[in-house]
């Protein structure tokens, strides 16, 4: 049985999870702003654990910016 955090997510899965358009995810990837991923042939895949960790950093960044004002 595969651990859910180890499962590779498609860009569509990621779009649904984050509630952002697929084009936004590709833009983030191009600029190095989104969660890290892997190219598997023509496809981009992300580990759920990597996405969760990236989300945590986004929350921390927002909190630190709010405290700086």
Protein backbone atom coordinates (compact mmCIF):
# COMPACT_ATOMS: atom_id res chain seq x y z
CA UNK A 1 0.00 0.00 0.00
CA UNK A 2 1.42 3.37 -1.05
CA UNK A 3 1.63 6.08 1.56
CA UNK A 4 -0.57 8.99 0.41
CA UNK A 5 2.27 11.49 1.01
CA UNK A 6 4.57 9.49 -1.32
CA UNK A 7 2.06 9.33 -4.17
CA UNK A 8 3.00 11.31 -7.27
CA UNK A 9 0.37 13.88 -8.16
CA UNK A 10 -0.35 15.06 -11.69
CA UNK A 11 -0.53 18.75 -12.50
CA UNK A 12 -4.33 18.31 -12.66
CA UNK A 13 -4.35 16.79 -9.15
CA UNK A 14 -2.25 19.70 -7.92
CA UNK A 15 -4.53 22.24 -9.60
CA UNK A 16 -7.57 20.70 -7.90
CA UNK A 17 -5.82 20.49 -4.52
CA UNK A 18 -4.66 24.13 -4.55
CA UNK A 19 -7.65 25.55 -6.42
CA UNK A 20 -5.50 27.33 -9.00
CA UNK A 21 -5.50 27.03 -12.80
CA UNK A 22 -3.09 24.63 -14.47
CA UNK A 23 -1.56 27.54 -16.43
CA UNK A 24 -0.71 29.23 -13.11
CA UNK A 25 1.08 26.09 -11.93
CA UNK A 26 3.14 25.95 -15.13
CA UNK A 27 3.98 29.65 -14.72
CA UNK A 28 5.10 29.07 -11.12
CA UNK A 29 7.18 26.11 -12.25
CA UNK A 30 8.82 28.16 -15.00
CA UNK A 31 9.70 30.93 -12.51
CA UNK A 32 10.74 28.47 -9.77
CA UNK A 33 8.00 29.71 -7.43
CA UNK A 34 5.78 26.66 -6.97
CA UNK A 35 6.31 23.31 -5.30
CA UNK A 36 9.16 21.18 -6.61
CA UNK A 37 8.31 18.47 -9.07
CA UNK A 38 9.65 15.88 -11.45
CA UNK A 39 9.45 15.53 -15.18
CA UNK A 40 8.44 11.99 -16.06
CA UNK A 41 8.63 11.85 -19.84
CA UNK A 42 6.36 14.66 -21.01
CA UNK A 43 4.51 14.85 -17.69
CA UNK A 44 5.13 16.85 -14.52
CA UNK A 45 4.58 15.06 -11.21
CA UNK A 46 4.85 16.26 -7.61
CA UNK A 47 5.03 14.33 -4.36
CA UNK A 48 2.19 15.21 -2.01
CA UNK A 49 4.70 15.58 0.86
CA UNK A 50 6.66 18.13 -1.20
CA UNK A 51 3.49 20.10 -1.91
CA UNK A 52 2.51 20.04 1.78
CA UNK A 53 6.00 21.28 2.76
CA UNK A 54 5.82 24.05 0.13
CA UNK A 55 2.42 25.10 1.47
CA UNK A 56 3.91 25.36 4.97
CA UNK A 57 6.61 27.71 3.67
CA UNK A 58 3.99 29.87 2.00
CA UNK A 59 2.10 30.24 5.27
CA UNK A 60 5.32 31.10 7.12
CA UNK A 61 6.29 33.72 4.54
CA UNK A 62 2.91 35.41 4.80
CA UNK A 63 3.02 35.41 8.60
CA UNK A 64 6.54 36.90 8.62
CA UNK A 65 5.53 39.61 6.12
CA UNK A 66 2.50 40.51 8.21
CA UNK A 67 4.68 40.92 11.31
CA UNK A 68 7.17 43.12 9.44
CA UNK A 69 4.66 45.89 8.75
